[in-house]
N, C-alpha and C. Protein backbone atom coordinates (compact mmCIF):
# COMPACT_ATOMS: atom_id res chain seq x y z
N UNK A 1 -38.66 144.37 -82.78
CA UNK A 1 -37.39 145.04 -82.77
C UNK A 1 -36.23 144.07 -82.61
N UNK A 2 -36.44 143.06 -81.70
CA UNK A 2 -35.38 142.07 -81.51
C UNK A 2 -35.11 141.30 -82.79
N UNK A 3 -36.18 140.94 -83.52
CA UNK A 3 -36.01 140.21 -84.78
C UNK A 3 -35.20 141.04 -85.76
N UNK A 4 -35.45 142.34 -85.79
CA UNK A 4 -34.73 143.24 -86.69
C UNK A 4 -33.24 143.29 -86.33
N UNK A 5 -32.92 143.37 -85.03
CA UNK A 5 -31.53 143.40 -84.58
C UNK A 5 -30.83 142.08 -84.90
N UNK A 6 -31.51 140.97 -84.68
CA UNK A 6 -30.92 139.67 -84.99
C UNK A 6 -30.68 139.55 -86.49
N UNK A 7 -31.65 139.95 -87.30
CA UNK A 7 -31.51 139.90 -88.75
C UNK A 7 -30.35 140.76 -89.23
N UNK A 8 -30.22 141.98 -88.69
CA UNK A 8 -29.11 142.88 -89.06
C UNK A 8 -27.78 142.29 -88.62
N UNK A 9 -27.75 141.71 -87.45
CA UNK A 9 -26.52 141.11 -86.94
C UNK A 9 -26.07 139.94 -87.82
N UNK A 10 -27.00 139.10 -88.20
CA UNK A 10 -26.69 137.96 -89.09
C UNK A 10 -26.23 138.47 -90.46
N UNK A 11 -26.90 139.46 -90.99
CA UNK A 11 -26.52 140.01 -92.30
C UNK A 11 -25.13 140.62 -92.24
N UNK A 12 -24.85 141.38 -91.19
CA UNK A 12 -23.53 142.01 -91.03
C UNK A 12 -22.44 140.94 -90.92
N UNK A 13 -22.68 139.91 -90.12
CA UNK A 13 -21.70 138.83 -89.96
C UNK A 13 -21.46 138.11 -91.28
N UNK A 14 -22.51 137.86 -92.02
CA UNK A 14 -22.38 137.19 -93.32
C UNK A 14 -21.55 138.03 -94.28
N UNK A 15 -21.82 139.33 -94.32
CA UNK A 15 -21.06 140.22 -95.20
C UNK A 15 -19.59 140.21 -94.81
N UNK A 16 -19.29 140.26 -93.52
CA UNK A 16 -17.90 140.24 -93.05
C UNK A 16 -17.20 138.94 -93.45
N UNK A 17 -17.89 137.84 -93.28
CA UNK A 17 -17.30 136.55 -93.63
C UNK A 17 -17.05 136.45 -95.12
N UNK A 18 -18.00 136.88 -95.92
CA UNK A 18 -17.84 136.82 -97.38
C UNK A 18 -16.73 137.75 -97.83
N UNK A 19 -16.67 138.97 -97.28
CA UNK A 19 -15.66 139.93 -97.73
C UNK A 19 -14.27 139.52 -97.28
N UNK A 20 -14.14 138.91 -96.14
CA UNK A 20 -12.82 138.49 -95.66
C UNK A 20 -12.40 137.17 -96.29
N UNK A 21 -13.29 136.32 -96.55
CA UNK A 21 -13.17 134.98 -97.13
C UNK A 21 -11.91 134.22 -96.70
N UNK A 22 -11.29 134.63 -95.61
CA UNK A 22 -10.18 133.88 -95.05
C UNK A 22 -8.89 133.97 -95.82
N UNK A 23 -8.84 134.74 -96.87
CA UNK A 23 -7.63 134.80 -97.71
C UNK A 23 -6.65 135.81 -97.16
N UNK A 24 -5.43 135.35 -96.95
CA UNK A 24 -4.35 136.23 -96.55
C UNK A 24 -3.15 135.90 -97.42
N UNK A 25 -2.28 136.87 -97.62
CA UNK A 25 -1.07 136.64 -98.40
C UNK A 25 -1.33 136.77 -99.88
N UNK A 26 -0.29 136.43 -100.66
CA UNK A 26 -0.38 136.60 -102.12
C UNK A 26 -1.33 135.62 -102.77
N UNK A 27 -1.81 135.99 -103.95
CA UNK A 27 -2.68 135.10 -104.71
C UNK A 27 -1.89 133.87 -105.15
N UNK A 28 -2.57 132.89 -105.69
CA UNK A 28 -1.89 131.69 -106.19
C UNK A 28 -0.90 132.02 -107.28
N UNK A 29 -1.25 132.94 -108.18
CA UNK A 29 -0.34 133.33 -109.26
C UNK A 29 0.87 134.06 -108.70
N UNK A 30 0.65 134.97 -107.76
CA UNK A 30 1.76 135.69 -107.15
C UNK A 30 2.69 134.72 -106.41
N UNK A 31 2.13 133.75 -105.72
CA UNK A 31 2.94 132.75 -105.01
C UNK A 31 3.77 131.94 -106.00
N UNK A 32 3.18 131.56 -107.12
CA UNK A 32 3.92 130.82 -108.15
C UNK A 32 5.06 131.68 -108.70
N UNK A 33 4.81 132.97 -108.93
CA UNK A 33 5.86 133.87 -109.41
C UNK A 33 7.01 133.95 -108.40
N UNK A 34 6.69 134.00 -107.11
CA UNK A 34 7.73 134.00 -106.08
C UNK A 34 8.55 132.71 -106.13
N UNK A 35 7.88 131.59 -106.29
CA UNK A 35 8.58 130.31 -106.36
C UNK A 35 9.53 130.26 -107.57
N UNK A 36 9.08 130.79 -108.70
CA UNK A 36 9.92 130.84 -109.90
C UNK A 36 11.13 131.74 -109.64
N UNK A 37 10.91 132.91 -109.03
CA UNK A 37 12.02 133.82 -108.72
C UNK A 37 13.04 133.14 -107.81
N UNK A 38 12.56 132.39 -106.81
CA UNK A 38 13.46 131.66 -105.92
C UNK A 38 14.25 130.60 -106.68
N UNK A 39 13.59 129.93 -107.61
CA UNK A 39 14.26 128.90 -108.41
C UNK A 39 15.36 129.50 -109.28
N UNK A 40 15.12 130.68 -109.83
CA UNK A 40 16.15 131.36 -110.63
C UNK A 40 17.34 131.68 -109.74
N UNK A 41 17.10 132.19 -108.53
CA UNK A 41 18.20 132.46 -107.60
C UNK A 41 18.99 131.20 -107.30
N UNK A 42 18.29 130.08 -107.14
CA UNK A 42 18.97 128.81 -106.87
C UNK A 42 19.89 128.40 -108.03
N UNK A 43 19.47 128.71 -109.25
CA UNK A 43 20.33 128.42 -110.42
C UNK A 43 21.67 129.13 -110.26
N UNK A 44 21.64 130.39 -109.82
CA UNK A 44 22.87 131.15 -109.62
C UNK A 44 23.68 130.57 -108.47
N UNK A 45 23.03 130.31 -107.34
CA UNK A 45 23.74 129.81 -106.17
C UNK A 45 24.37 128.44 -106.44
N UNK A 46 23.71 127.62 -107.25
CA UNK A 46 24.22 126.27 -107.56
C UNK A 46 25.04 126.21 -108.84
N UNK A 47 25.11 127.33 -109.56
CA UNK A 47 25.81 127.39 -110.86
C UNK A 47 25.27 126.34 -111.84
N UNK A 48 23.99 126.09 -111.77
CA UNK A 48 23.35 125.10 -112.65
C UNK A 48 22.19 125.77 -113.36
N UNK A 49 22.40 126.06 -114.64
CA UNK A 49 21.39 126.77 -115.42
C UNK A 49 20.64 125.83 -116.38
N UNK A 50 20.73 124.53 -116.14
CA UNK A 50 20.12 123.56 -117.04
C UNK A 50 18.59 123.64 -117.07
N UNK A 51 17.97 124.10 -116.00
CA UNK A 51 16.50 124.19 -115.94
C UNK A 51 15.99 125.61 -116.15
N UNK A 52 16.85 126.50 -116.62
CA UNK A 52 16.48 127.90 -116.77
C UNK A 52 15.25 128.08 -117.65
N UNK A 53 15.09 127.24 -118.67
CA UNK A 53 13.94 127.32 -119.56
C UNK A 53 12.61 127.02 -118.87
N UNK A 54 12.67 126.38 -117.70
CA UNK A 54 11.46 126.13 -116.92
C UNK A 54 10.98 127.41 -116.23
N UNK A 55 11.89 128.37 -116.07
CA UNK A 55 11.59 129.56 -115.28
C UNK A 55 11.59 130.86 -116.08
N UNK A 56 12.28 130.88 -117.21
CA UNK A 56 12.44 132.11 -117.98
C UNK A 56 11.91 131.89 -119.39
N UNK A 57 11.13 132.84 -119.90
CA UNK A 57 10.56 132.75 -121.25
C UNK A 57 11.67 132.79 -122.30
N UNK A 58 11.44 132.13 -123.42
CA UNK A 58 12.46 132.06 -124.48
C UNK A 58 12.77 133.42 -125.08
N UNK A 59 11.84 134.36 -125.00
CA UNK A 59 12.07 135.70 -125.56
C UNK A 59 12.28 136.76 -124.46
N UNK A 60 12.70 136.33 -123.28
CA UNK A 60 12.87 137.23 -122.14
C UNK A 60 13.95 138.26 -122.41
N UNK A 61 13.85 139.38 -121.70
CA UNK A 61 14.82 140.46 -121.82
C UNK A 61 15.32 140.81 -120.41
N UNK A 62 16.64 140.82 -120.24
CA UNK A 62 17.25 141.28 -119.00
C UNK A 62 17.80 142.67 -119.26
N UNK A 63 17.21 143.67 -118.63
CA UNK A 63 17.61 145.05 -118.84
C UNK A 63 18.82 145.42 -117.99
N UNK A 64 19.37 144.46 -117.27
CA UNK A 64 20.51 144.73 -116.39
C UNK A 64 21.81 144.16 -116.90
N UNK A 65 21.92 143.93 -118.20
CA UNK A 65 23.16 143.39 -118.75
C UNK A 65 24.31 144.37 -118.65
N UNK A 66 25.50 143.86 -118.52
CA UNK A 66 26.69 144.71 -118.39
C UNK A 66 26.85 145.66 -119.57
N UNK A 67 26.45 145.23 -120.75
CA UNK A 67 26.57 146.05 -121.95
C UNK A 67 25.21 146.37 -122.57
N UNK A 68 24.17 146.43 -121.76
CA UNK A 68 22.84 146.72 -122.26
C UNK A 68 21.92 145.52 -122.15
N UNK A 69 20.79 145.59 -122.83
CA UNK A 69 19.79 144.52 -122.77
C UNK A 69 20.36 143.21 -123.29
N UNK A 70 19.98 142.14 -122.60
CA UNK A 70 20.30 140.78 -123.06
C UNK A 70 18.97 140.16 -123.45
N UNK A 71 18.88 139.71 -124.69
CA UNK A 71 17.62 139.21 -125.22
C UNK A 71 17.71 137.72 -125.54
N UNK A 72 16.70 136.99 -125.12
CA UNK A 72 16.58 135.57 -125.45
C UNK A 72 17.20 134.67 -124.40
N UNK A 73 16.56 133.54 -124.18
CA UNK A 73 16.97 132.58 -123.16
C UNK A 73 18.40 132.10 -123.35
N UNK A 74 18.80 131.76 -124.57
CA UNK A 74 20.15 131.25 -124.80
C UNK A 74 21.21 132.29 -124.45
N UNK A 75 20.97 133.55 -124.82
CA UNK A 75 21.91 134.62 -124.49
C UNK A 75 21.96 134.87 -122.98
N UNK A 76 20.79 134.81 -122.35
CA UNK A 76 20.74 134.98 -120.89
C UNK A 76 21.54 133.87 -120.20
N UNK A 77 21.31 132.65 -120.63
CA UNK A 77 22.01 131.52 -120.03
C UNK A 77 23.52 131.68 -120.17
N UNK A 78 23.98 132.07 -121.34
CA UNK A 78 25.40 132.27 -121.58
C UNK A 78 25.97 133.37 -120.67
N UNK A 79 25.27 134.49 -120.56
CA UNK A 79 25.72 135.59 -119.69
C UNK A 79 25.74 135.17 -118.23
N UNK A 80 24.71 134.43 -117.81
CA UNK A 80 24.64 133.99 -116.42
C UNK A 80 25.80 133.05 -116.10
N UNK A 81 26.09 132.13 -117.01
CA UNK A 81 27.20 131.19 -116.79
C UNK A 81 28.52 131.94 -116.67
N UNK A 82 28.72 132.96 -117.52
CA UNK A 82 29.95 133.77 -117.44
C UNK A 82 30.02 134.52 -116.11
N UNK A 83 28.88 135.03 -115.66
CA UNK A 83 28.89 135.86 -114.45
C UNK A 83 29.26 135.08 -113.19
N UNK A 84 29.01 133.79 -113.16
CA UNK A 84 29.32 133.00 -111.97
C UNK A 84 30.55 132.12 -112.14
N UNK A 85 31.12 132.09 -113.34
CA UNK A 85 32.25 131.19 -113.61
C UNK A 85 33.43 131.44 -112.67
N UNK A 86 33.73 132.68 -112.38
CA UNK A 86 34.89 133.00 -111.55
C UNK A 86 34.57 133.15 -110.08
N UNK A 87 33.38 132.71 -109.66
CA UNK A 87 32.97 132.86 -108.26
C UNK A 87 32.88 131.51 -107.57
N UNK A 88 33.07 131.55 -106.27
CA UNK A 88 32.82 130.36 -105.45
C UNK A 88 31.98 130.79 -104.26
N UNK A 89 31.30 129.86 -103.71
CA UNK A 89 30.48 130.05 -102.50
C UNK A 89 29.57 131.27 -102.57
N UNK A 90 28.97 131.50 -103.73
CA UNK A 90 28.03 132.62 -103.80
C UNK A 90 26.69 132.22 -103.19
N UNK A 91 26.03 133.23 -102.61
CA UNK A 91 24.76 132.96 -101.96
C UNK A 91 23.88 134.20 -102.07
N UNK A 92 22.61 133.97 -102.36
CA UNK A 92 21.63 135.04 -102.44
C UNK A 92 20.63 134.86 -101.30
N UNK A 93 20.53 135.86 -100.45
CA UNK A 93 19.57 135.84 -99.36
C UNK A 93 18.52 136.91 -99.62
N UNK A 94 17.26 136.53 -99.56
CA UNK A 94 16.17 137.48 -99.75
C UNK A 94 15.97 138.24 -98.45
N UNK A 95 16.06 139.56 -98.53
CA UNK A 95 15.82 140.41 -97.37
C UNK A 95 14.33 140.72 -97.28
N UNK A 96 13.74 141.09 -98.40
CA UNK A 96 12.31 141.42 -98.46
C UNK A 96 11.84 141.21 -99.89
N UNK A 97 10.63 140.75 -100.05
CA UNK A 97 10.07 140.59 -101.40
C UNK A 97 8.59 140.91 -101.38
N UNK A 98 8.14 141.38 -102.53
CA UNK A 98 6.74 141.71 -102.75
C UNK A 98 6.34 141.10 -104.09
N UNK A 99 5.12 140.63 -104.19
CA UNK A 99 4.69 140.01 -105.44
C UNK A 99 3.21 140.25 -105.68
N UNK A 100 2.89 140.35 -106.95
CA UNK A 100 1.50 140.32 -107.37
C UNK A 100 1.42 139.38 -108.57
N UNK A 101 0.35 139.43 -109.30
CA UNK A 101 0.18 138.47 -110.40
C UNK A 101 1.07 138.76 -111.60
N UNK A 102 1.74 139.92 -111.61
CA UNK A 102 2.57 140.29 -112.76
C UNK A 102 4.04 140.54 -112.42
N UNK A 103 4.33 141.00 -111.21
CA UNK A 103 5.70 141.37 -110.84
C UNK A 103 6.13 140.75 -109.52
N UNK A 104 7.46 140.51 -109.44
CA UNK A 104 8.09 140.18 -108.17
C UNK A 104 9.18 141.22 -107.97
N UNK A 105 9.17 141.85 -106.81
CA UNK A 105 10.21 142.81 -106.45
C UNK A 105 10.94 142.25 -105.24
N UNK A 106 12.27 142.19 -105.33
CA UNK A 106 13.04 141.59 -104.25
C UNK A 106 14.24 142.45 -103.90
N UNK A 107 14.46 142.56 -102.61
CA UNK A 107 15.68 143.16 -102.08
C UNK A 107 16.50 141.98 -101.60
N UNK A 108 17.68 141.80 -102.18
CA UNK A 108 18.51 140.64 -101.88
C UNK A 108 19.89 141.05 -101.39
N UNK A 109 20.48 140.19 -100.61
CA UNK A 109 21.86 140.36 -100.17
C UNK A 109 22.67 139.24 -100.85
N UNK A 110 23.64 139.65 -101.67
CA UNK A 110 24.45 138.70 -102.44
C UNK A 110 25.86 138.71 -101.89
N UNK A 111 26.38 137.51 -101.61
CA UNK A 111 27.76 137.36 -101.16
C UNK A 111 28.45 136.29 -101.99
N UNK A 112 29.74 136.37 -102.06
CA UNK A 112 30.51 135.37 -102.79
C UNK A 112 31.99 135.66 -102.67
N UNK A 113 32.78 134.78 -103.27
CA UNK A 113 34.23 134.90 -103.26
C UNK A 113 34.73 134.66 -104.67
N UNK A 114 35.67 135.51 -105.10
CA UNK A 114 36.28 135.30 -106.42
C UNK A 114 37.21 134.09 -106.35
N UNK A 115 37.04 133.18 -107.30
CA UNK A 115 37.85 131.96 -107.35
C UNK A 115 39.06 132.15 -108.26
N UNK A 116 39.06 133.21 -109.05
CA UNK A 116 40.16 133.47 -109.98
C UNK A 116 40.49 134.97 -109.96
N UNK A 117 41.69 135.30 -110.41
CA UNK A 117 42.07 136.70 -110.56
C UNK A 117 41.35 137.28 -111.76
N UNK A 118 41.05 138.57 -111.68
CA UNK A 118 40.44 139.28 -112.79
C UNK A 118 41.10 140.64 -112.94
N UNK A 119 40.59 141.43 -113.88
CA UNK A 119 41.22 142.73 -114.12
C UNK A 119 41.07 143.68 -112.93
N UNK A 120 40.05 143.50 -112.11
CA UNK A 120 39.86 144.41 -110.98
C UNK A 120 39.65 143.68 -109.65
N UNK A 121 40.07 142.42 -109.58
CA UNK A 121 39.96 141.67 -108.33
C UNK A 121 41.00 140.55 -108.30
N UNK A 122 41.23 140.05 -107.12
CA UNK A 122 42.18 138.95 -106.91
C UNK A 122 41.43 137.74 -106.37
N UNK A 123 42.01 136.56 -106.56
CA UNK A 123 41.45 135.34 -105.99
C UNK A 123 41.29 135.54 -104.48
N UNK A 124 40.13 135.20 -103.97
CA UNK A 124 39.86 135.32 -102.54
C UNK A 124 39.16 136.61 -102.16
N UNK A 125 39.14 137.62 -103.06
CA UNK A 125 38.40 138.85 -102.77
C UNK A 125 36.92 138.51 -102.58
N UNK A 126 36.28 139.22 -101.69
CA UNK A 126 34.88 138.96 -101.36
C UNK A 126 33.95 139.93 -102.10
N UNK A 127 32.76 139.44 -102.37
CA UNK A 127 31.67 140.26 -102.88
C UNK A 127 30.61 140.29 -101.78
N UNK A 128 30.12 141.47 -101.50
CA UNK A 128 29.08 141.63 -100.49
C UNK A 128 28.26 142.84 -100.91
N UNK A 129 27.08 142.60 -101.47
CA UNK A 129 26.28 143.72 -101.97
C UNK A 129 24.79 143.47 -101.81
N UNK A 130 24.08 144.59 -101.81
CA UNK A 130 22.63 144.55 -101.79
C UNK A 130 22.13 144.85 -103.20
N UNK A 131 21.09 144.15 -103.60
CA UNK A 131 20.54 144.28 -104.94
C UNK A 131 19.03 144.42 -104.82
N UNK A 132 18.46 145.31 -105.62
CA UNK A 132 17.01 145.38 -105.75
C UNK A 132 16.68 144.93 -107.17
N UNK A 133 15.77 143.99 -107.27
CA UNK A 133 15.40 143.44 -108.58
C UNK A 133 13.89 143.53 -108.79
N UNK A 134 13.53 143.76 -110.03
CA UNK A 134 12.12 143.74 -110.44
C UNK A 134 12.03 142.76 -111.60
N UNK A 135 11.18 141.78 -111.46
CA UNK A 135 11.00 140.78 -112.51
C UNK A 135 9.54 140.76 -112.92
N UNK A 136 9.31 140.86 -114.21
CA UNK A 136 7.96 140.79 -114.75
C UNK A 136 7.70 139.36 -115.20
N UNK A 137 6.50 138.88 -114.93
CA UNK A 137 6.12 137.51 -115.28
C UNK A 137 4.98 137.50 -116.28
N UNK A 138 5.04 136.53 -117.16
CA UNK A 138 3.96 136.30 -118.11
C UNK A 138 3.83 134.79 -118.27
N UNK A 139 2.63 134.30 -118.13
CA UNK A 139 2.35 132.87 -118.27
C UNK A 139 3.26 132.01 -117.39
N UNK A 140 3.53 132.48 -116.17
CA UNK A 140 4.29 131.70 -115.20
C UNK A 140 5.80 131.71 -115.37
N UNK A 141 6.31 132.53 -116.31
CA UNK A 141 7.75 132.60 -116.52
C UNK A 141 8.22 134.05 -116.49
N UNK A 142 9.46 134.24 -116.08
CA UNK A 142 10.05 135.58 -116.08
C UNK A 142 10.19 136.04 -117.53
N UNK A 143 9.69 137.25 -117.81
CA UNK A 143 9.75 137.77 -119.18
C UNK A 143 10.62 139.02 -119.30
N UNK A 144 10.76 139.77 -118.21
CA UNK A 144 11.64 140.94 -118.18
C UNK A 144 12.25 141.06 -116.80
N UNK A 145 13.45 141.67 -116.75
CA UNK A 145 14.15 141.79 -115.48
C UNK A 145 14.94 143.09 -115.46
N UNK A 146 14.89 143.78 -114.30
CA UNK A 146 15.68 144.97 -114.06
C UNK A 146 16.42 144.76 -112.75
N UNK A 147 17.63 145.27 -112.66
CA UNK A 147 18.40 145.17 -111.41
C UNK A 147 18.94 146.55 -111.05
N UNK A 148 18.93 146.84 -109.75
CA UNK A 148 19.39 148.13 -109.25
C UNK A 148 20.39 147.87 -108.13
N UNK A 149 21.57 148.48 -108.25
CA UNK A 149 22.63 148.28 -107.27
C UNK A 149 22.87 149.56 -106.48
N UNK A 150 23.32 149.39 -105.26
CA UNK A 150 23.71 150.51 -104.43
C UNK A 150 24.96 151.15 -105.04
N UNK A 151 25.00 152.48 -105.20
CA UNK A 151 26.18 153.11 -105.81
C UNK A 151 27.50 152.75 -105.13
N UNK A 152 27.50 152.60 -103.81
CA UNK A 152 28.75 152.23 -103.13
C UNK A 152 29.20 150.83 -103.54
N UNK A 153 28.27 149.94 -103.82
CA UNK A 153 28.63 148.60 -104.29
C UNK A 153 29.17 148.65 -105.72
N UNK A 154 28.61 149.53 -106.53
CA UNK A 154 29.11 149.69 -107.90
C UNK A 154 30.54 150.20 -107.85
N UNK A 155 30.81 151.16 -106.99
CA UNK A 155 32.16 151.73 -106.89
C UNK A 155 33.17 150.68 -106.43
N UNK A 156 32.75 149.76 -105.58
CA UNK A 156 33.66 148.70 -105.13
C UNK A 156 34.07 147.80 -106.29
N UNK A 157 33.22 147.71 -107.33
CA UNK A 157 33.52 146.84 -108.47
C UNK A 157 34.38 147.54 -109.52
N UNK A 158 34.54 148.85 -109.39
CA UNK A 158 35.31 149.61 -110.37
C UNK A 158 36.80 149.42 -110.10
N UNK A 159 37.60 149.29 -111.18
CA UNK A 159 39.05 149.20 -110.96
C UNK A 159 39.58 150.52 -110.43
N UNK A 160 40.64 150.45 -109.61
CA UNK A 160 41.20 151.70 -109.08
C UNK A 160 41.70 152.58 -110.23
N UNK A 161 41.48 153.87 -110.09
CA UNK A 161 41.92 154.81 -111.11
C UNK A 161 43.36 155.21 -110.83
N UNK A 162 44.16 155.20 -111.89
CA UNK A 162 45.54 155.66 -111.76
C UNK A 162 45.54 157.17 -111.80
N UNK A 163 46.31 157.75 -110.93
CA UNK A 163 46.41 159.21 -110.92
C UNK A 163 47.80 159.61 -111.37
N UNK A 164 47.87 160.72 -112.04
CA UNK A 164 49.14 161.26 -112.51
C UNK A 164 49.59 162.29 -111.47
N UNK A 165 50.53 161.90 -110.65
CA UNK A 165 50.98 162.79 -109.57
C UNK A 165 51.80 163.96 -110.10
N UNK A 166 52.16 163.94 -111.39
CA UNK A 166 52.95 165.04 -111.93
C UNK A 166 52.08 166.18 -112.46
N UNK A 167 50.77 165.96 -112.52
CA UNK A 167 49.87 167.03 -112.98
C UNK A 167 49.86 168.17 -111.99
N UNK A 168 49.85 169.37 -112.52
CA UNK A 168 49.80 170.55 -111.67
C UNK A 168 48.38 171.08 -111.65
N UNK A 169 47.99 171.57 -110.53
CA UNK A 169 46.64 172.08 -110.38
C UNK A 169 46.59 173.53 -110.73
């Protein structure tokens, strides 16, 4: 009976060790995807998009473009450069992120300061918003991207509406 208990105990321990195999956290592919996502954020924070091709596929699609989908690395790079041209001291802080071998989902806090006047902002106005992003990866590069903004942050970006005080109700 003792031999049977010892044998069962050894078998159970072996199964536990094999099933747990000491692995915690994301897989190697998921970790690489996270690193690529962080590198893309750094491009924005540093306003340097020269290495974007290392992180984004040439046929990538950004579904969060101001006027719809932005297709292709060159178009993405051009849009990204325009989006940060009038900003200074922008910074992206990751609040929470999740990753697997195909997607990275990140909740980020973005801050910055407008360096120039625009149609709906003045030099020195601050940006402070939360963003949720989903990025799809293929062969180690971002291939698709979606961005979701808090409605109150969207409203802050809208120009003030002129009202006609002479209208009668």
